[in-house]
PDB file of N, CA and C in Angstrom:
ATOM      1  N   MET A   1      32.814  15.910 -19.108  1.00  0.00           N
ATOM      2  CA  MET A   1      31.576  15.711 -18.006  1.00  0.00           C
ATOM      3  C   MET A   1      31.095  13.778 -18.490  1.00  0.00           C
ATOM      4  N   GLU A   2      31.230  13.538 -17.618  1.00  0.00           N
ATOM      5  CA  GLU A   2      30.256  12.215 -17.686  1.00  0.00           C
ATOM      6  C   GLU A   2      28.706  12.432 -18.022  1.00  0.00           C
ATOM      7  N   ASP A   3      28.644  11.647 -18.289  1.00  0.00           N
ATOM      8  CA  ASP A   3      27.015  11.173 -18.728  1.00  0.00           C
ATOM      9  C   ASP A   3      26.417  10.295 -17.632  1.00  0.00           C
ATOM     10  N   LYS A   4      25.547  10.447 -16.793  1.00  0.00           N
ATOM     11  CA  LYS A   4      24.952   9.338 -15.545  1.00  0.00           C
ATOM     12  C   LYS A   4      23.726   9.484 -16.447  1.00  0.00           C
ATOM     13  N   GLU A   5      23.081   7.939 -16.045  1.00  0.00           N
ATOM     14  CA  GLU A   5      21.804   7.771 -15.699  1.00  0.00           C
ATOM     15  C   GLU A   5      21.355   7.725 -14.725  1.00  0.00           C
ATOM     16  N   VAL A   6      19.990   8.045 -14.480  1.00  0.00           N
ATOM     17  CA  VAL A   6      18.974   8.556 -13.256  1.00  0.00           C
ATOM     18  C   VAL A   6      18.130   7.763 -13.634  1.00  0.00           C
ATOM     19  N   GLN A   7      17.878   7.395 -12.128  1.00  0.00           N
ATOM     20  CA  GLN A   7      16.776   5.524 -12.208  1.00  0.00           C
ATOM     21  C   GLN A   7      15.787   6.430 -10.952  1.00  0.00           C
ATOM     22  N   VAL A   8      14.282   6.772 -10.902  1.00  0.00           N
ATOM     23  CA  VAL A   8      13.368   6.796  -9.962  1.00  0.00           C
ATOM     24  C   VAL A   8      12.900   5.451  -9.959  1.00  0.00           C
ATOM     25  N   VAL A   9      13.045   5.119  -8.565  1.00  0.00           N
ATOM     26  CA  VAL A   9      12.078   4.065  -8.192  1.00  0.00           C
ATOM     27  C   VAL A   9      10.894   4.437  -8.025  1.00  0.00           C
ATOM     28  N   THR A  10       9.913   3.685  -8.911  1.00  0.00           N
ATOM     29  CA  THR A  10       8.295   3.735  -8.614  1.00  0.00           C
ATOM     30  C   THR A  10       7.960   2.450  -8.365  1.00  0.00           C
ATOM     31  N   GLU A  11       6.600   2.692  -7.675  1.00  0.00           N
ATOM     32  CA  GLU A  11       6.003   1.936  -7.802  1.00  0.00           C
ATOM     33  C   GLU A  11       4.868   1.808  -8.716  1.00  0.00           C
ATOM     34  N   SER A  12       4.476   0.676  -9.737  1.00  0.00           N
ATOM     35  CA  SER A  12       3.170   0.134 -10.315  1.00  0.00           C
ATOM     36  C   SER A  12       2.023   0.194  -9.696  1.00  0.00           C
ATOM     37  N   SER A  13       0.833   0.512  -9.924  1.00  0.00           N
ATOM     38  CA  SER A  13      -0.575   0.213  -9.557  1.00  0.00           C
ATOM     39  C   SER A  13      -0.748  -1.002  -9.195  1.00  0.00           C
ATOM     40  N   ALA A  14      -0.399  -2.285 -10.057  1.00  0.00           N
ATOM     41  CA  ALA A  14      -1.109  -3.142  -9.286  1.00  0.00           C
ATOM     42  C   ALA A  14       0.017  -3.904  -8.270  1.00  0.00           C
ATOM     43  N   ARG A  15       1.167  -3.597  -7.901  1.00  0.00           N
ATOM     44  CA  ARG A  15       2.016  -3.271  -6.792  1.00  0.00           C
ATOM     45  C   ARG A  15       1.020  -3.102  -5.515  1.00  0.00           C
ATOM     46  N   SER A  16       0.940  -1.539  -5.780  1.00  0.00           N
ATOM     47  CA  SER A  16      -0.108  -0.880  -5.051  1.00  0.00           C
ATOM     48  C   SER A  16      -1.099  -1.700  -4.529  1.00  0.00           C
ATOM     49  N   VAL A  17      -2.499  -2.408  -5.330  1.00  0.00           N
ATOM     50  CA  VAL A  17      -3.315  -2.755  -5.269  1.00  0.00           C
ATOM     51  C   VAL A  17      -2.762  -4.057  -4.263  1.00  0.00           C
ATOM     52  N   LEU A  18      -2.012  -5.241  -4.793  1.00  0.00           N
ATOM     53  CA  LEU A  18      -1.416  -6.180  -4.279  1.00  0.00           C
ATOM     54  C   LEU A  18      -0.804  -5.399  -2.708  1.00  0.00           C
ATOM     55  N   LYS A  19      -0.486  -4.512  -2.303  1.00  0.00           N
ATOM     56  CA  LYS A  19      -0.192  -4.453  -1.012  1.00  0.00           C
ATOM     57  C   LYS A  19      -1.379  -4.132  -0.218  1.00  0.00           C
ATOM     58  N   GLY A  20      -2.718  -2.857  -0.851  1.00  0.00           N
ATOM     59  CA  GLY A  20      -3.380  -2.536  -0.069  1.00  0.00           C
ATOM     60  C   GLY A  20      -5.023  -4.377  -0.183  1.00  0.00           C
ATOM     61  N   PHE A  21      -4.126  -5.255  -0.463  1.00  0.00           N
ATOM     62  CA  PHE A  21      -5.241  -6.217  -0.631  1.00  0.00           C
ATOM     63  C   PHE A  21      -4.812  -7.388   0.544  1.00  0.00           C
ATOM     64  N   THR A  22      -3.004  -6.992   0.822  1.00  0.00           N
ATOM     65  CA  THR A  22      -2.973  -8.095   1.999  1.00  0.00           C
ATOM     66  C   THR A  22      -2.925  -7.513   3.218  1.00  0.00           C
ATOM     67  N   TRP A  23      -2.775  -5.969   2.688  1.00  0.00           N
ATOM     68  CA  TRP A  23      -2.965  -5.245   4.405  1.00  0.00           C
ATOM     69  C   TRP A  23      -4.476  -5.307   4.964  1.00  0.00           C
ATOM     70  N   ARG A  24      -5.405  -5.189   4.118  1.00  0.00           N
ATOM     71  CA  ARG A  24      -6.305  -5.430   4.219  1.00  0.00           C
ATOM     72  C   ARG A  24      -7.047  -6.557   4.732  1.00  0.00           C
ATOM     73  N   LEU A  25      -6.369  -7.694   4.326  1.00  0.00           N
ATOM     74  CA  LEU A  25      -6.832  -9.297   4.949  1.00  0.00           C
ATOM     75  C   LEU A  25      -6.207  -8.719   6.559  1.00  0.00           C
ATOM     76  N   VAL A  26      -5.081  -8.727   6.695  1.00  0.00           N
ATOM     77  CA  VAL A  26      -4.570  -8.588   8.264  1.00  0.00           C
ATOM     78  C   VAL A  26      -5.526  -7.940   9.177  1.00  0.00           C
ATOM     79  N   ALA A  27      -5.755  -6.241   8.624  1.00  0.00           N
ATOM     80  CA  ALA A  27      -6.144  -5.222   9.598  1.00  0.00           C
ATOM     81  C   ALA A  27      -7.838  -5.790   9.504  1.00  0.00           C
ATOM     82  N   THR A  28      -8.712  -6.431   8.374  1.00  0.00           N
ATOM     83  CA  THR A  28      -9.584  -6.878   8.684  1.00  0.00           C
ATOM     84  C   THR A  28      -9.846  -7.935   9.423  1.00  0.00           C
ATOM     85  N   PHE A  29      -8.548  -8.561   9.600  1.00  0.00           N
ATOM     86  CA  PHE A  29      -9.422  -9.899  10.605  1.00  0.00           C
ATOM     87  C   PHE A  29      -8.802  -9.346  12.240  1.00  0.00           C
ATOM     88  N   SER A  30      -8.367  -8.480  12.124  1.00  0.00           N
ATOM     89  CA  SER A  30      -8.271  -7.327  13.623  1.00  0.00           C
ATOM     90  C   SER A  30      -9.360  -6.726  13.728  1.00  0.00           C
ATOM     91  N   THR A  31     -10.127  -6.035  12.616  1.00  0.00           N
ATOM     92  CA  THR A  31     -11.383  -5.365  12.976  1.00  0.00           C
ATOM     93  C   THR A  31     -12.527  -6.517  13.331  1.00  0.00           C
ATOM     94  N   ILE A  32     -12.661  -7.462  12.579  1.00  0.00           N
ATOM     95  CA  ILE A  32     -13.569  -8.770  12.967  1.00  0.00           C
ATOM     96  C   ILE A  32     -13.239  -9.135  14.945  1.00  0.00           C
ATOM     97  N   VAL A  33     -12.246  -9.233  14.819  1.00  0.00           N
ATOM     98  CA  VAL A  33     -12.086  -9.701  16.331  1.00  0.00           C
ATOM     99  C   VAL A  33     -12.655  -8.939  17.056  1.00  0.00           C
ATOM    100  N   ILE A  34     -12.250  -6.903  17.201  1.00  0.00           N
ATOM    101  CA  ILE A  34     -11.987  -6.208  17.788  1.00  0.00           C
ATOM    102  C   ILE A  34     -13.568  -6.239  18.094  1.00  0.00           C
ATOM    103  N   SER A  35     -14.486  -6.229  17.307  1.00  0.00           N
ATOM    104  CA  SER A  35     -15.798  -6.368  16.975  1.00  0.00           C
ATOM    105  C   SER A  35     -17.005  -7.111  17.427  1.00  0.00           C
ATOM    106  N   TYR A  36     -16.182  -8.150  17.423  1.00  0.00           N
ATOM    107  CA  TYR A  36     -16.652 -10.025  18.108  1.00  0.00           C
ATOM    108  C   TYR A  36     -16.106  -9.494  19.632  1.00  0.00           C
ATOM    109  N   LEU A  37     -15.504  -9.017  20.362  1.00  0.00           N
ATOM    110  CA  LEU A  37     -15.009  -8.785  21.716  1.00  0.00           C
ATOM    111  C   LEU A  37     -16.167  -7.147  22.501  1.00  0.00           C
ATOM    112  N   ILE A  38     -16.749  -7.121  21.255  1.00  0.00           N
ATOM    113  CA  ILE A  38     -17.416  -5.332  22.088  1.00  0.00           C
ATOM    114  C   ILE A  38     -18.867  -6.103  21.794  1.00  0.00           C
ATOM    115  N   THR A  39     -19.220  -6.374  20.690  1.00  0.00           N
ATOM    116  CA  THR A  39     -20.618  -6.848  20.777  1.00  0.00           C
ATOM    117  C   THR A  39     -21.141  -8.580  20.797  1.00  0.00           C
ATOM    118  N   GLY A  40     -20.034  -9.291  20.938  1.00  0.00           N
ATOM    119  CA  GLY A  40     -20.365 -10.876  21.420  1.00  0.00           C
ATOM    120  C   GLY A  40     -21.392 -11.587  20.451  1.00  0.00           C
ATOM    121  N   GLU A  41     -21.277 -10.952  18.803  1.00  0.00           N
ATOM    122  CA  GLU A  41     -21.928 -11.524  17.478  1.00  0.00           C
ATOM    123  C   GLU A  41     -20.875 -11.673  16.763  1.00  0.00           C
ATOM    124  N   THR A  42     -20.974 -13.042  16.204  1.00  0.00           N
ATOM    125  CA  THR A  42     -19.685 -13.216  15.266  1.00  0.00           C
ATOM    126  C   THR A  42     -20.601 -12.738  13.960  1.00  0.00           C
ATOM    127  N   ASP A  43     -21.635 -13.008  13.755  1.00  0.00           N
ATOM    128  CA  ASP A  43     -22.847 -12.690  12.420  1.00  0.00           C
ATOM    129  C   ASP A  43     -22.325 -10.633  11.898  1.00  0.00           C
ATOM    130  N   THR A  44     -22.335  -9.930  13.461  1.00  0.00           N
ATOM    131  CA  THR A  44     -22.148  -8.805  13.043  1.00  0.00           C
ATOM    132  C   THR A  44     -20.468  -8.097  13.041  1.00  0.00           C
ATOM    133  N   ALA A  45     -19.771  -8.712  14.063  1.00  0.00           N
ATOM    134  CA  ALA A  45     -18.538  -8.322  13.545  1.00  0.00           C
ATOM    135  C   ALA A  45     -18.044  -8.778  12.216  1.00  0.00           C
ATOM    136  N   ILE A  46     -18.569 -10.040  11.223  1.00  0.00           N
ATOM    137  CA  ILE A  46     -18.410 -10.636  10.194  1.00  0.00           C
ATOM    138  C   ILE A  46     -18.869  -9.549   9.475  1.00  0.00           C
ATOM    139  N   LYS A  47     -19.990  -8.978   9.568  1.00  0.00           N
ATOM    140  CA  LYS A  47     -20.713  -7.490   8.682  1.00  0.00           C
ATOM    141  C   LYS A  47     -20.061  -6.314   8.345  1.00  0.00           C
ATOM    142  N   ILE A  48     -18.915  -5.955   9.573  1.00  0.00           N
ATOM    143  CA  ILE A  48     -18.287  -5.257  10.446  1.00  0.00           C
ATOM    144  C   ILE A  48     -17.283  -5.563   9.389  1.00  0.00           C
ATOM    145  N   GLY A  49     -16.579  -6.295   9.582  1.00  0.00           N
ATOM    146  CA  GLY A  49     -14.995  -6.601   8.542  1.00  0.00           C
ATOM    147  C   GLY A  49     -15.515  -6.555   7.217  1.00  0.00           C
ATOM    148  N   ALA A  50     -16.631  -6.998   6.483  1.00  0.00           N
ATOM    149  CA  ALA A  50     -16.861  -7.103   5.306  1.00  0.00           C
ATOM    150  C   ALA A  50     -16.714  -5.884   4.527  1.00  0.00           C
ATOM    151  N   ILE A  51     -17.619  -4.687   5.499  1.00  0.00           N
ATOM    152  CA  ILE A  51     -17.718  -3.461   4.967  1.00  0.00           C
ATOM    153  C   ILE A  51     -15.930  -2.793   4.828  1.00  0.00           C
ATOM    154  N   GLU A  52     -15.502  -3.103   5.794  1.00  0.00           N
ATOM    155  CA  GLU A  52     -14.652  -2.242   6.360  1.00  0.00           C
ATOM    156  C   GLU A  52     -13.580  -2.653   5.118  1.00  0.00           C
ATOM    157  N   PHE A  53     -13.482  -3.852   5.176  1.00  0.00           N
ATOM    158  CA  PHE A  53     -12.449  -4.581   3.612  1.00  0.00           C
ATOM    159  C   PHE A  53     -12.710  -3.643   2.586  1.00  0.00           C
ATOM    160  N   PHE A  54     -13.756  -4.004   1.910  1.00  0.00           N
ATOM    161  CA  PHE A  54     -14.117  -2.986   0.659  1.00  0.00           C
ATOM    162  C   PHE A  54     -13.761  -1.413   0.861  1.00  0.00           C
ATOM    163  N   ALA A  55     -14.669  -1.116   1.709  1.00  0.00           N
ATOM    164  CA  ALA A  55     -14.181   0.787   2.280  1.00  0.00           C
ATOM    165  C   ALA A  55     -12.720   0.989   2.329  1.00  0.00           C
ATOM    166  N   LYS A  56     -12.318   0.564   2.896  1.00  0.00           N
ATOM    167  CA  LYS A  56     -10.647   0.698   3.599  1.00  0.00           C
ATOM    168  C   LYS A  56      -9.428   0.244   2.309  1.00  0.00           C
ATOM    169  N   ILE A  57     -10.108  -0.730   1.413  1.00  0.00           N
ATOM    170  CA  ILE A  57      -8.721  -1.166   0.627  1.00  0.00           C
ATOM    171  C   ILE A  57      -8.813   0.025  -0.977  1.00  0.00           C
ATOM    172  N   ALA A  58     -10.157   0.684  -1.265  1.00  0.00           N
ATOM    173  CA  ALA A  58     -10.130   1.754  -1.593  1.00  0.00           C
ATOM    174  C   ALA A  58      -9.667   3.282  -1.469  1.00  0.00           C
ATOM    175  N   VAL A  59      -9.788   3.360  -0.204  1.00  0.00           N
ATOM    176  CA  VAL A  59      -9.531   4.493   0.755  1.00  0.00           C
ATOM    177  C   VAL A  59      -7.558   4.163   0.755  1.00  0.00           C
ATOM    178  N   TYR A  60      -6.794   3.066   0.860  1.00  0.00           N
ATOM    179  CA  TYR A  60      -5.844   2.703   0.843  1.00  0.00           C
ATOM    180  C   TYR A  60      -4.932   3.232  -0.145  1.00  0.00           C
ATOM    181  N   TYR A  61      -5.368   2.422  -1.229  1.00  0.00           N
ATOM    182  CA  TYR A  61      -4.992   2.977  -2.839  1.00  0.00           C
ATOM    183  C   TYR A  61      -5.307   4.209  -3.145  1.00  0.00           C
ATOM    184  N   LEU A  62      -5.994   4.904  -2.862  1.00  0.00           N
ATOM    185  CA  LEU A  62      -5.849   6.592  -3.008  1.00  0.00           C
ATOM    186  C   LEU A  62      -5.060   7.037  -2.421  1.00  0.00           C
ATOM    187  N   HIS A  63      -4.861   6.798  -1.152  1.00  0.00           N
ATOM    188  CA  HIS A  63      -3.396   7.552  -0.476  1.00  0.00           C
ATOM    189  C   HIS A  63      -2.469   6.578  -0.944  1.00  0.00           C
ATOM    190  N   GLU A  64      -2.002   5.724  -1.480  1.00  0.00           N
ATOM    191  CA  GLU A  64      -0.670   5.326  -1.327  1.00  0.00           C
ATOM    192  C   GLU A  64      -0.788   6.193  -2.951  1.00  0.00           C
ATOM    193  N   ARG A  65      -1.549   6.328  -3.966  1.00  0.00           N
ATOM    194  CA  ARG A  65      -0.999   6.981  -5.113  1.00  0.00           C
ATOM    195  C   ARG A  65      -0.849   8.579  -5.319  1.00  0.00           C
ATOM    196  N   MET A  66      -1.799   8.629  -4.195  1.00  0.00           N
ATOM    197  CA  MET A  66      -1.182  10.616  -3.806  1.00  0.00           C
ATOM    198  C   MET A  66      -0.281  10.568  -3.114  1.00  0.00           C
ATOM    199  N   TRP A  67       1.027   9.365  -2.301  1.00  0.00           N
ATOM    200  CA  TRP A  67       1.538   9.643  -1.484  1.00  0.00           C
ATOM    201  C   TRP A  67       3.178   9.703  -2.546  1.00  0.00           C
ATOM    202  N   LEU A  68       2.413   8.640  -4.056  1.00  0.00           N
ATOM    203  CA  LEU A  68       3.476   8.594  -4.692  1.00  0.00           C
ATOM    204  C   LEU A  68       3.621   9.593  -5.380  1.00  0.00           C
ATOM    205  N   ARG A  69       3.040  10.845  -5.510  1.00  0.00           N
ATOM    206  CA  ARG A  69       3.045  12.188  -5.846  1.00  0.00           C
ATOM    207  C   ARG A  69       4.040  13.229  -5.404  1.00  0.00           C
ATOM    208  N   ILE A  70       3.895  12.810  -4.045  1.00  0.00           N
ATOM    209  CA  ILE A  70       4.932  13.872  -3.290  1.00  0.00           C
ATOM    210  C   ILE A  70       6.144  13.488  -3.357  1.00  0.00           C
ATOM    211  N   PRO A  71       7.228  14.178  -3.642  1.00  0.00           N
ATOM    212  CA  PRO A  71       8.591  14.352  -3.892  1.00  0.00           C
ATOM    213  C   PRO A  71       9.205  13.906  -2.299  1.00  0.00           C
ATOM    214  N   PHE A  72       8.802  14.713  -1.184  1.00  0.00           N
ATOM    215  CA  PHE A  72       9.400  13.925  -0.165  1.00  0.00           C
ATOM    216  C   PHE A  72       9.660  12.866   0.294  1.00  0.00           C
ATOM    217  N   GLY A  73      11.244  12.514   0.742  1.00  0.00           N
ATOM    218  CA  GLY A  73      11.516  11.115   1.098  1.00  0.00           C
ATOM    219  C   GLY A  73      11.838  10.516   0.088  1.00  0.00           C
ATOM    220  N   LYS A  74      11.771  10.893  -1.118  1.00  0.00           N
ATOM    221  CA  LYS A  74      11.925  10.238  -2.119  1.00  0.00           C
ATOM    222  C   LYS A  74      13.521  10.094  -2.458  1.00  0.00           C
ATOM    223  N   ASN A  75      14.440   9.281  -2.860  1.00  0.00           N
ATOM    224  CA  ASN A  75      15.857   8.592  -3.012  1.00  0.00           C
ATOM    225  C   ASN A  75      15.718   8.554  -4.682  1.00  0.00           C
ATOM    226  N   THR A  76      16.929   8.864  -5.223  1.00  0.00           N
ATOM    227  CA  THR A  76      16.860   8.839  -7.081  1.00  0.00           C
ATOM    228  C   THR A  76      18.224   8.064  -6.471  1.00  0.00           C
ATOM    229  N   VAL A  77      18.346   6.723  -7.685  1.00  0.00           N
ATOM    230  CA  VAL A  77      19.768   5.829  -7.514  1.00  0.00           C
ATOM    231  C   VAL A  77      20.252   5.957  -8.564  1.00  0.00           C
ATOM    232  N   VAL A  78      21.301   6.766  -8.456  1.00  0.00           N
ATOM    233  CA  VAL A  78      22.365   7.098  -9.952  1.00  0.00           C
ATOM    234  C   VAL A  78      23.185   5.928 -10.177  1.00  0.00           C
ATOM    235  N   LYS A  79      22.892   5.451 -11.376  1.00  0.00           N
ATOM    236  CA  LYS A  79      23.752   4.475 -12.061  1.00  0.00           C
ATOM    237  C   LYS A  79      24.782   4.916 -12.971  1.00  0.00           C
ATOM    238  N   THR A  80      25.946   4.484 -12.824  1.00  0.00           N
ATOM    239  CA  THR A  80      27.240   5.001 -13.553  1.00  0.00           C
ATOM    240  C   THR A  80      27.694   3.952 -14.242  1.00  0.00           C
ATOM    241  N   PRO A  81      28.121   4.176 -15.452  1.00  0.00           N
ATOM    242  CA  PRO A  81      28.218   2.742 -16.517  1.00  0.00           C
ATOM    243  C   PRO A  81      29.926   2.836 -15.512  1.00  0.00           C
ATOM    244  N   GLU A  82      29.904   0.384 -15.917  1.00  0.00           N
ATOM    245  CA  GLU A  82      31.203  -0.100 -15.075  1.00  0.00           C
ATOM    246  C   GLU A  82      32.050   0.405 -16.254  1.00  0.00           C
ATOM    247  N   PHE A  83      32.144   0.470 -17.702  1.00  0.00           N
ATOM    248  CA  PHE A  83      33.017   0.928 -18.382  1.00  0.00           C
ATOM    249  C   PHE A  83      32.490   1.697 -19.251  1.00  0.00           C
ATOM    250  N   GLU A  84      33.250   1.779 -20.319  1.00  0.00           N
ATOM    251  CA  GLU A  84      33.437   2.922 -21.282  1.00  0.00           C
ATOM    252  C   GLU A  84      34.288   2.239 -22.413  1.00  0.00           C
ATOM    253  N   ILE A  85      33.589   2.855 -23.616  1.00  0.00           N
ATOM    254  CA  ILE A  85      34.355   1.872 -25.177  1.00  0.00           C
ATOM    255  C   ILE A  85      34.962   3.367 -25.220  1.00  0.00           C
TER     256      ILE A  85
END
């Protein structure tokens, strides 16, 4: 019977933080635009966007880390040796 090395691909905390940050930039910009269209006030739209940016990056990070603990939909990669001695 062959020994096989099994690797499970996961993400680091730093990667989750970076993904959260870049997504927040995109999402916050859209929130600012929507807030401006509703209120017509630039200052109010920017304040709403600033609050949303910090609150939701924390929520996203927690959400991402929780999902890493859930086995549903994860795939394992089986790596076999190319040759044996």
